Amino acid sequence: MGDKKFATAINCIDGRTQMPVSDWVKEKYSVSYVDMITEPGCDKVVCGTDDVTIEKIKSKALISINAHKSSLVVIAGHHDCAGNPVSKEEHMT
């Protein structure tokens, strides 16, 4: 993979968020690829107490980090989320 850089995004499964998150990470952090780990309401999940799901996400992130040498992990939540149906303001905090 040579000089191509990877990042990892923990993102919602919502199809509306996939490309915008990937494009934003590529532009903002000058990476070539974004490994996408998806989970409904991922911002709620990673801040919660569902240890089983958190461990699954962590395991997938470690694959990206170890296999692709990803040096950046971002977590992307969004308003109008079916998996975490709270206000836009709450997603921002």
PDB file of N, CA and C in Angstrom:
ATOM      1  N   MET A   1       0.817  -1.190   0.000  1.00  0.00           N
ATOM      2  CA  MET A   1       0.000   0.000   0.000  1.00  0.00           C
ATOM      3  C   MET A   1       0.861   1.254   0.000  1.00  0.00           C
ATOM      4  N   GLY A   2       2.157   1.040   0.064  1.00  0.00           N
ATOM      5  CA  GLY A   2       3.096   2.120  -0.131  1.00  0.00           C
ATOM      6  C   GLY A   2       2.866   3.342   0.715  1.00  0.00           C
ATOM      7  N   ASP A   3       2.782   4.503   0.057  1.00  0.00           N
ATOM      8  CA  ASP A   3       2.647   5.764   0.768  1.00  0.00           C
ATOM      9  C   ASP A   3       1.194   6.147   1.030  1.00  0.00           C
ATOM     10  N   LYS A   4       0.282   5.243   0.764  1.00  0.00           N
ATOM     11  CA  LYS A   4      -1.133   5.521   1.006  1.00  0.00           C
ATOM     12  C   LYS A   4      -1.405   5.431   2.497  1.00  0.00           C
ATOM     13  N   LYS A   5      -2.036   6.451   3.042  1.00  0.00           N
ATOM     14  CA  LYS A   5      -2.326   6.500   4.470  1.00  0.00           C
ATOM     15  C   LYS A   5      -3.773   6.112   4.730  1.00  0.00           C
ATOM     16  N   PHE A   6      -3.974   5.432   5.842  1.00  0.00           N
ATOM     17  CA  PHE A   6      -5.299   5.015   6.263  1.00  0.00           C
ATOM     18  C   PHE A   6      -5.717   5.746   7.537  1.00  0.00           C
ATOM     19  N   ALA A   7      -7.012   5.919   7.668  1.00  0.00           N
ATOM     20  CA  ALA A   7      -7.641   6.342   8.911  1.00  0.00           C
ATOM     21  C   ALA A   7      -8.776   5.359   9.169  1.00  0.00           C
ATOM     22  N   THR A   8      -9.320   5.403  10.364  1.00  0.00           N
ATOM     23  CA  THR A   8     -10.426   4.532  10.743  1.00  0.00           C
ATOM     24  C   THR A   8     -11.571   5.415  11.219  1.00  0.00           C
ATOM     25  N   ALA A   9     -12.784   5.128  10.725  1.00  0.00           N
ATOM     26  CA  ALA A   9     -13.960   5.872  11.167  1.00  0.00           C
ATOM     27  C   ALA A   9     -14.941   4.903  11.819  1.00  0.00           C
ATOM     28  N   ILE A  10     -15.345   5.226  13.021  1.00  0.00           N
ATOM     29  CA  ILE A  10     -16.423   4.514  13.701  1.00  0.00           C
ATOM     30  C   ILE A  10     -17.649   5.370  13.433  1.00  0.00           C
ATOM     31  N   ASN A  11     -18.567   4.820  12.647  1.00  0.00           N
ATOM     32  CA  ASN A  11     -19.632   5.620  12.068  1.00  0.00           C
ATOM     33  C   ASN A  11     -20.965   4.902  12.219  1.00  0.00           C
ATOM     34  N   CYS A  12     -22.030   5.628  12.068  1.00  0.00           N
ATOM     35  CA  CYS A  12     -23.371   5.051  12.079  1.00  0.00           C
ATOM     36  C   CYS A  12     -23.576   4.209  10.817  1.00  0.00           C
ATOM     37  N   ILE A  13     -24.506   3.249  10.873  1.00  0.00           N
ATOM     38  CA  ILE A  13     -24.814   2.451   9.691  1.00  0.00           C
ATOM     39  C   ILE A  13     -25.591   3.235   8.646  1.00  0.00           C
ATOM     40  N   ASP A  14     -26.123   4.374   9.012  1.00  0.00           N
ATOM     41  CA  ASP A  14     -26.942   5.185   8.123  1.00  0.00           C
ATOM     42  C   ASP A  14     -26.167   5.511   6.842  1.00  0.00           C
ATOM     43  N   GLY A  15     -26.687   5.070   5.714  1.00  0.00           N
ATOM     44  CA  GLY A  15     -26.020   5.267   4.432  1.00  0.00           C
ATOM     45  C   GLY A  15     -25.776   6.715   4.065  1.00  0.00           C
ATOM     46  N   ARG A  16     -26.541   7.620   4.653  1.00  0.00           N
ATOM     47  CA  ARG A  16     -26.342   9.044   4.354  1.00  0.00           C
ATOM     48  C   ARG A  16     -25.020   9.558   4.898  1.00  0.00           C
ATOM     49  N   THR A  17     -24.438   8.853   5.854  1.00  0.00           N
ATOM     50  CA  THR A  17     -23.241   9.373   6.517  1.00  0.00           C
ATOM     51  C   THR A  17     -21.932   8.802   5.973  1.00  0.00           C
ATOM     52  N   GLN A  18     -21.992   7.723   5.217  1.00  0.00           N
ATOM     53  CA  GLN A  18     -20.769   7.035   4.806  1.00  0.00           C
ATOM     54  C   GLN A  18     -19.831   7.906   3.967  1.00  0.00           C
ATOM     55  N   MET A  19     -20.309   8.371   2.837  1.00  0.00           N
ATOM     56  CA  MET A  19     -19.459   9.175   1.955  1.00  0.00           C
ATOM     57  C   MET A  19     -19.054  10.511   2.584  1.00  0.00           C
ATOM     58  N   PRO A  20     -19.993  11.249   3.196  1.00  0.00           N
ATOM     59  CA  PRO A  20     -19.569  12.523   3.796  1.00  0.00           C
ATOM     60  C   PRO A  20     -18.484  12.357   4.865  1.00  0.00           C
ATOM     61  N   VAL A  21     -18.605  11.331   5.692  1.00  0.00           N
ATOM     62  CA  VAL A  21     -17.582  11.114   6.724  1.00  0.00           C
ATOM     63  C   VAL A  21     -16.256  10.739   6.076  1.00  0.00           C
ATOM     64  N   SER A  22     -16.297   9.814   5.127  1.00  0.00           N
ATOM     65  CA  SER A  22     -15.071   9.401   4.443  1.00  0.00           C
ATOM     66  C   SER A  22     -14.413  10.581   3.743  1.00  0.00           C
ATOM     67  N   ASP A  23     -15.188  11.352   3.010  1.00  0.00           N
ATOM     68  CA  ASP A  23     -14.636  12.513   2.296  1.00  0.00           C
ATOM     69  C   ASP A  23     -14.049  13.533   3.263  1.00  0.00           C
ATOM     70  N   TRP A  24     -14.752  13.799   4.376  1.00  0.00           N
ATOM     71  CA  TRP A  24     -14.271  14.779   5.350  1.00  0.00           C
ATOM     72  C   TRP A  24     -12.946  14.333   5.976  1.00  0.00           C
ATOM     73  N   VAL A  25     -12.872  13.059   6.350  1.00  0.00           N
ATOM     74  CA  VAL A  25     -11.637  12.557   6.970  1.00  0.00           C
ATOM     75  C   VAL A  25     -10.477  12.631   5.978  1.00  0.00           C
ATOM     76  N   LYS A  26     -10.724  12.232   4.735  1.00  0.00           N
ATOM     77  CA  LYS A  26      -9.665  12.291   3.720  1.00  0.00           C
ATOM     78  C   LYS A  26      -9.162  13.719   3.530  1.00  0.00           C
ATOM     79  N   GLU A  27     -10.088  14.660   3.424  1.00  0.00           N
ATOM     80  CA  GLU A  27      -9.701  16.052   3.195  1.00  0.00           C
ATOM     81  C   GLU A  27      -9.022  16.668   4.414  1.00  0.00           C
ATOM     82  N   LYS A  28      -9.620  16.468   5.574  1.00  0.00           N
ATOM     83  CA  LYS A  28      -9.138  17.101   6.804  1.00  0.00           C
ATOM     84  C   LYS A  28      -7.777  16.541   7.250  1.00  0.00           C
ATOM     85  N   TYR A  29      -7.565  15.236   7.050  1.00  0.00           N
ATOM     86  CA  TYR A  29      -6.366  14.588   7.592  1.00  0.00           C
ATOM     87  C   TYR A  29      -5.424  14.045   6.528  1.00  0.00           C
ATOM     88  N   SER A  30      -5.666  14.363   5.282  1.00  0.00           N
ATOM     89  CA  SER A  30      -4.783  13.983   4.172  1.00  0.00           C
ATOM     90  C   SER A  30      -4.479  12.480   4.163  1.00  0.00           C
ATOM     91  N   VAL A  31      -5.529  11.681   4.236  1.00  0.00           N
ATOM     92  CA  VAL A  31      -5.365  10.236   4.121  1.00  0.00           C
ATOM     93  C   VAL A  31      -5.967   9.781   2.797  1.00  0.00           C
ATOM     94  N   SER A  32      -5.552   8.619   2.344  1.00  0.00           N
ATOM     95  CA  SER A  32      -6.040   8.088   1.074  1.00  0.00           C
ATOM     96  C   SER A  32      -7.276   7.225   1.246  1.00  0.00           C
ATOM     97  N   TYR A  33      -7.345   6.514   2.373  1.00  0.00           N
ATOM     98  CA  TYR A  33      -8.427   5.563   2.604  1.00  0.00           C
ATOM     99  C   TYR A  33      -8.974   5.700   4.017  1.00  0.00           C
ATOM    100  N   VAL A  34     -10.260   5.369   4.151  1.00  0.00           N
ATOM    101  CA  VAL A  34     -10.894   5.380   5.464  1.00  0.00           C
ATOM    102  C   VAL A  34     -11.561   4.022   5.667  1.00  0.00           C
ATOM    103  N   ASP A  35     -11.053   3.253   6.610  1.00  0.00           N
ATOM    104  CA  ASP A  35     -11.704   2.004   6.991  1.00  0.00           C
ATOM    105  C   ASP A  35     -12.929   2.371   7.814  1.00  0.00           C
ATOM    106  N   MET A  36     -14.087   1.836   7.424  1.00  0.00           N
ATOM    107  CA  MET A  36     -15.342   2.217   8.056  1.00  0.00           C
ATOM    108  C   MET A  36     -15.857   1.078   8.932  1.00  0.00           C
ATOM    109  N   ILE A  37     -16.053   1.388  10.201  1.00  0.00           N
ATOM    110  CA  ILE A  37     -16.669   0.471  11.155  1.00  0.00           C
ATOM    111  C   ILE A  37     -18.028   1.068  11.474  1.00  0.00           C
ATOM    112  N   THR A  38     -19.097   0.317  11.214  1.00  0.00           N
ATOM    113  CA  THR A  38     -20.426   0.890  11.392  1.00  0.00           C
ATOM    114  C   THR A  38     -21.213   0.197  12.491  1.00  0.00           C
ATOM    115  N   GLU A  39     -21.992   1.008  13.186  1.00  0.00           N
ATOM    116  CA  GLU A  39     -22.855   0.545  14.274  1.00  0.00           C
ATOM    117  C   GLU A  39     -23.987   1.558  14.423  1.00  0.00           C
ATOM    118  N   PRO A  40     -25.230   1.095  14.538  1.00  0.00           N
ATOM    119  CA  PRO A  40     -26.328   2.050  14.725  1.00  0.00           C
ATOM    120  C   PRO A  40     -26.102   2.891  15.988  1.00  0.00           C
ATOM    121  N   GLY A  41     -26.186   4.201  15.843  1.00  0.00           N
ATOM    122  CA  GLY A  41     -26.007   5.091  17.002  1.00  0.00           C
ATOM    123  C   GLY A  41     -24.648   4.942  17.642  1.00  0.00           C
ATOM    124  N   CYS A  42     -23.604   4.892  16.844  1.00  0.00           N
ATOM    125  CA  CYS A  42     -22.267   4.568  17.355  1.00  0.00           C
ATOM    126  C   CYS A  42     -21.777   5.532  18.428  1.00  0.00           C
ATOM    127  N   ASP A  43     -22.154   6.803  18.366  1.00  0.00           N
ATOM    128  CA  ASP A  43     -21.697   7.732  19.406  1.00  0.00           C
ATOM    129  C   ASP A  43     -22.274   7.351  20.762  1.00  0.00           C
ATOM    130  N   LYS A  44     -23.507   6.876  20.780  1.00  0.00           N
ATOM    131  CA  LYS A  44     -24.114   6.407  22.026  1.00  0.00           C
ATOM    132  C   LYS A  44     -23.440   5.117  22.501  1.00  0.00           C
ATOM    133  N   VAL A  45     -23.168   4.228  21.559  1.00  0.00           N
ATOM    134  CA  VAL A  45     -22.574   2.930  21.896  1.00  0.00           C
ATOM    135  C   VAL A  45     -21.208   3.108  22.554  1.00  0.00           C
ATOM    136  N   VAL A  46     -20.333   3.895  21.931  1.00  0.00           N
ATOM    137  CA  VAL A  46     -18.973   4.014  22.470  1.00  0.00           C
ATOM    138  C   VAL A  46     -18.927   4.770  23.790  1.00  0.00           C
ATOM    139  N   CYS A  47     -19.975   5.502  24.103  1.00  0.00           N
ATOM    140  CA  CYS A  47     -20.045   6.212  25.377  1.00  0.00           C
ATOM    141  C   CYS A  47     -20.872   5.447  26.406  1.00  0.00           C
ATOM    142  N   GLY A  48     -21.344   4.280  26.044  1.00  0.00           N
ATOM    143  CA  GLY A  48     -22.254   3.543  26.905  1.00  0.00           C
ATOM    144  C   GLY A  48     -21.617   2.392  27.658  1.00  0.00           C
ATOM    145  N   THR A  49     -22.451   1.438  28.006  1.00  0.00           N
ATOM    146  CA  THR A  49     -22.011   0.319  28.853  1.00  0.00           C
ATOM    147  C   THR A  49     -22.195  -1.041  28.194  1.00  0.00           C
ATOM    148  N   ASP A  50     -22.472  -1.062  26.877  1.00  0.00           N
ATOM    149  CA  ASP A  50     -22.616  -2.321  26.153  1.00  0.00           C
ATOM    150  C   ASP A  50     -21.222  -2.848  25.821  1.00  0.00           C
ATOM    151  N   ASP A  51     -20.618  -3.508  26.806  1.00  0.00           N
ATOM    152  CA  ASP A  51     -19.231  -3.944  26.665  1.00  0.00           C
ATOM    153  C   ASP A  51     -19.013  -4.905  25.506  1.00  0.00           C
ATOM    154  N   VAL A  52     -19.994  -5.732  25.198  1.00  0.00           N
ATOM    155  CA  VAL A  52     -19.850  -6.689  24.099  1.00  0.00           C
ATOM    156  C   VAL A  52     -19.693  -5.947  22.772  1.00  0.00           C
ATOM    157  N   THR A  53     -20.576  -4.987  22.518  1.00  0.00           N
ATOM    158  CA  THR A  53     -20.500  -4.224  21.268  1.00  0.00           C
ATOM    159  C   THR A  53     -19.251  -3.357  21.230  1.00  0.00           C
ATOM    160  N   ILE A  54     -18.899  -2.767  22.346  1.00  0.00           N
ATOM    161  CA  ILE A  54     -17.679  -1.957  22.397  1.00  0.00           C
ATOM    162  C   ILE A  54     -16.454  -2.807  22.070  1.00  0.00           C
ATOM    163  N   GLU A  55     -16.395  -4.012  22.582  1.00  0.00           N
ATOM    164  CA  GLU A  55     -15.264  -4.905  22.292  1.00  0.00           C
ATOM    165  C   GLU A  55     -15.227  -5.294  20.816  1.00  0.00           C
ATOM    166  N   LYS A  56     -16.385  -5.491  20.199  1.00  0.00           N
ATOM    167  CA  LYS A  56     -16.429  -5.802  18.765  1.00  0.00           C
ATOM    168  C   LYS A  56     -15.895  -4.634  17.946  1.00  0.00           C
ATOM    169  N   ILE A  57     -16.303  -3.433  18.304  1.00  0.00           N
ATOM    170  CA  ILE A  57     -15.813  -2.238  17.609  1.00  0.00           C
ATOM    171  C   ILE A  57     -14.304  -2.116  17.800  1.00  0.00           C
ATOM    172  N   LYS A  58     -13.851  -2.314  19.023  1.00  0.00           N
ATOM    173  CA  LYS A  58     -12.417  -2.224  19.319  1.00  0.00           C
ATOM    174  C   LYS A  58     -11.625  -3.250  18.512  1.00  0.00           C
ATOM    175  N   SER A  59     -12.141  -4.466  18.427  1.00  0.00           N
ATOM    176  CA  SER A  59     -11.476  -5.518  17.663  1.00  0.00           C
ATOM    177  C   SER A  59     -11.337  -5.128  16.193  1.00  0.00           C
ATOM    178  N   LYS A  60     -12.399  -4.571  15.634  1.00  0.00           N
ATOM    179  CA  LYS A  60     -12.357  -4.138  14.241  1.00  0.00           C
ATOM    180  C   LYS A  60     -11.393  -2.972  14.053  1.00  0.00           C
ATOM    181  N   ALA A  61     -11.379  -2.046  14.991  1.00  0.00           N
ATOM    182  CA  ALA A  61     -10.456  -0.913  14.905  1.00  0.00           C
ATOM    183  C   ALA A  61      -9.006  -1.392  14.963  1.00  0.00           C
ATOM    184  N   LEU A  62      -8.749  -2.388  15.786  1.00  0.00           N
ATOM    185  CA  LEU A  62      -7.382  -2.911  15.887  1.00  0.00           C
ATOM    186  C   LEU A  62      -6.935  -3.586  14.593  1.00  0.00           C
ATOM    187  N   ILE A  63      -7.869  -4.190  13.869  1.00  0.00           N
ATOM    188  CA  ILE A  63      -7.523  -4.748  12.553  1.00  0.00           C
ATOM    189  C   ILE A  63      -7.076  -3.625  11.626  1.00  0.00           C
ATOM    190  N   SER A  64      -7.824  -2.537  11.606  1.00  0.00           N
ATOM    191  CA  SER A  64      -7.467  -1.397  10.773  1.00  0.00           C
ATOM    192  C   SER A  64      -6.118  -0.809  11.184  1.00  0.00           C
ATOM    193  N   ILE A  65      -5.919  -0.681  12.470  1.00  0.00           N
ATOM    194  CA  ILE A  65      -4.667  -0.111  12.985  1.00  0.00           C
ATOM    195  C   ILE A  65      -3.480  -1.017  12.669  1.00  0.00           C
ATOM    196  N   ASN A  66      -3.635  -2.300  12.925  1.00  0.00           N
ATOM    197  CA  ASN A  66      -2.516  -3.228  12.740  1.00  0.00           C
ATOM    198  C   ASN A  66      -2.275  -3.594  11.277  1.00  0.00           C
ATOM    199  N   ALA A  67      -3.317  -3.863  10.516  1.00  0.00           N
ATOM    200  CA  ALA A  67      -3.142  -4.296   9.130  1.00  0.00           C
ATOM    201  C   ALA A  67      -2.887  -3.139   8.177  1.00  0.00           C
ATOM    202  N   HIS A  68      -3.570  -2.027   8.395  1.00  0.00           N
ATOM    203  CA  HIS A  68      -3.447  -0.888   7.486  1.00  0.00           C
ATOM    204  C   HIS A  68      -2.623   0.254   8.056  1.00  0.00           C
ATOM    205  N   LYS A  69      -2.140   0.077   9.270  1.00  0.00           N
ATOM    206  CA  LYS A  69      -1.328   1.111   9.935  1.00  0.00           C
ATOM    207  C   LYS A  69      -2.084   2.422  10.078  1.00  0.00           C
ATOM    208  N   SER A  70      -3.393   2.312  10.291  1.00  0.00           N
ATOM    209  CA  SER A  70      -4.208   3.500  10.521  1.00  0.00           C
ATOM    210  C   SER A  70      -3.683   4.233  11.741  1.00  0.00           C
ATOM    211  N   SER A  71      -3.479   5.519  11.596  1.00  0.00           N
ATOM    212  CA  SER A  71      -2.934   6.311  12.710  1.00  0.00           C
ATOM    213  C   SER A  71      -3.966   7.292  13.272  1.00  0.00           C
ATOM    214  N   LEU A  72      -5.196   7.190  12.795  1.00  0.00           N
ATOM    215  CA  LEU A  72      -6.243   8.094  13.229  1.00  0.00           C
ATOM    216  C   LEU A  72      -7.547   7.329  13.339  1.00  0.00           C
ATOM    217  N   VAL A  73      -8.248   7.516  14.461  1.00  0.00           N
ATOM    218  CA  VAL A  73      -9.579   6.941  14.633  1.00  0.00           C
ATOM    219  C   VAL A  73     -10.537   8.087  14.934  1.00  0.00           C
ATOM    220  N   VAL A  74     -11.599   8.186  14.141  1.00  0.00           N
ATOM    221  CA  VAL A  74     -12.620   9.208  14.378  1.00  0.00           C
ATOM    222  C   VAL A  74     -13.941   8.528  14.692  1.00  0.00           C
ATOM    223  N   ILE A  75     -14.744   9.184  15.502  1.00  0.00           N
ATOM    224  CA  ILE A  75     -16.090   8.710  15.825  1.00  0.00           C
ATOM    225  C   ILE A  75     -17.062   9.746  15.287  1.00  0.00           C
ATOM    226  N   ALA A  76     -17.992   9.281  14.449  1.00  0.00           N
ATOM    227  CA  ALA A  76     -18.928  10.210  13.810  1.00  0.00           C
ATOM    228  C   ALA A  76     -20.356   9.880  14.212  1.00  0.00           C
ATOM    229  N   GLY A  77     -20.990  10.809  14.890  1.00  0.00           N
ATOM    230  CA  GLY A  77     -22.407  10.708  15.188  1.00  0.00           C
ATOM    231  C   GLY A  77     -23.152  11.741  14.358  1.00  0.00           C
ATOM    232  N   HIS A  78     -24.458  11.596  14.267  1.00  0.00           N
ATOM    233  CA  HIS A  78     -25.223  12.551  13.475  1.00  0.00           C
ATOM    234  C   HIS A  78     -26.628  12.712  14.041  1.00  0.00           C
ATOM    235  N   HIS A  79     -27.226  13.867  13.771  1.00  0.00           N
ATOM    236  CA  HIS A  79     -28.609  14.076  14.196  1.00  0.00           C
ATOM    237  C   HIS A  79     -29.527  13.268  13.271  1.00  0.00           C
ATOM    238  N   ASP A  80     -30.754  13.111  13.639  1.00  0.00           N
ATOM    239  CA  ASP A  80     -31.727  12.319  12.888  1.00  0.00           C
ATOM    240  C   ASP A  80     -31.280  10.858  12.805  1.00  0.00           C
ATOM    241  N   CYS A  81     -30.688  10.375  13.881  1.00  0.00           N
ATOM    242  CA  CYS A  81     -30.151   9.014  13.939  1.00  0.00           C
ATOM    243  C   CYS A  81     -31.198   8.068  14.526  1.00  0.00           C
ATOM    244  N   ALA A  82     -31.508   7.010  13.789  1.00  0.00           N
ATOM    245  CA  ALA A  82     -32.483   6.032  14.269  1.00  0.00           C
ATOM    246  C   ALA A  82     -31.937   5.231  15.451  1.00  0.00           C
ATOM    247  N   GLY A  83     -30.629   5.030  15.507  1.00  0.00           N
ATOM    248  CA  GLY A  83     -30.018   4.261  16.586  1.00  0.00           C
ATOM    249  C   GLY A  83     -29.771   5.060  17.850  1.00  0.00           C
ATOM    250  N   ASN A  84     -29.749   6.373  17.735  1.00  0.00           N
ATOM    251  CA  ASN A  84     -29.551   7.264  18.876  1.00  0.00           C
ATOM    252  C   ASN A  84     -30.389   8.519  18.630  1.00  0.00           C
ATOM    253  N   PRO A  85     -31.720   8.395  18.790  1.00  0.00           N
ATOM    254  CA  PRO A  85     -32.634   9.479  18.425  1.00  0.00           C
ATOM    255  C   PRO A  85     -32.710  10.591  19.468  1.00  0.00           C
ATOM    256  N   VAL A  86     -31.650  11.382  19.546  1.00  0.00           N
ATOM    257  CA  VAL A  86     -31.610  12.522  20.459  1.00  0.00           C
ATOM    258  C   VAL A  86     -31.399  13.796  19.643  1.00  0.00           C
ATOM    259  N   SER A  87     -31.460  14.928  20.292  1.00  0.00           N
ATOM    260  CA  SER A  87     -31.319  16.208  19.591  1.00  0.00           C
ATOM    261  C   SER A  87     -29.920  16.371  18.997  1.00  0.00           C
ATOM    262  N   LYS A  88     -29.831  17.253  18.004  1.00  0.00           N
ATOM    263  CA  LYS A  88     -28.545  17.572  17.387  1.00  0.00           C
ATOM    264  C   LYS A  88     -27.560  18.067  18.452  1.00  0.00           C
ATOM    265  N   GLU A  89     -28.055  18.873  19.395  1.00  0.00           N
ATOM    266  CA  GLU A  89     -27.204  19.408  20.449  1.00  0.00           C
ATOM    267  C   GLU A  89     -26.609  18.300  21.311  1.00  0.00           C
ATOM    268  N   GLU A  90     -27.436  17.295  21.618  1.00  0.00           N
ATOM    269  CA  GLU A  90     -26.914  16.193  22.445  1.00  0.00           C
ATOM    270  C   GLU A  90     -25.854  15.390  21.700  1.00  0.00           C
ATOM    271  N   HIS A  91     -26.012  15.235  20.392  1.00  0.00           N
ATOM    272  CA  HIS A  91     -24.976  14.551  19.605  1.00  0.00           C
ATOM    273  C   HIS A  91     -23.666  15.342  19.617  1.00  0.00           C
ATOM    274  N   MET A  92     -23.764  16.635  19.745  1.00  0.00           N
ATOM    275  CA  MET A  92     -22.575  17.490  19.700  1.00  0.00           C
ATOM    276  C   MET A  92     -21.806  17.522  21.016  1.00  0.00           C
ATOM    277  N   THR A  93     -22.436  17.064  22.101  1.00  0.00           N
ATOM    278  CA  THR A  93     -21.748  17.122  23.389  1.00  0.00           C
ATOM    279  C   THR A  93     -21.087  15.823  23.757  1.00  0.00           C
TER     280      THR A  93
END
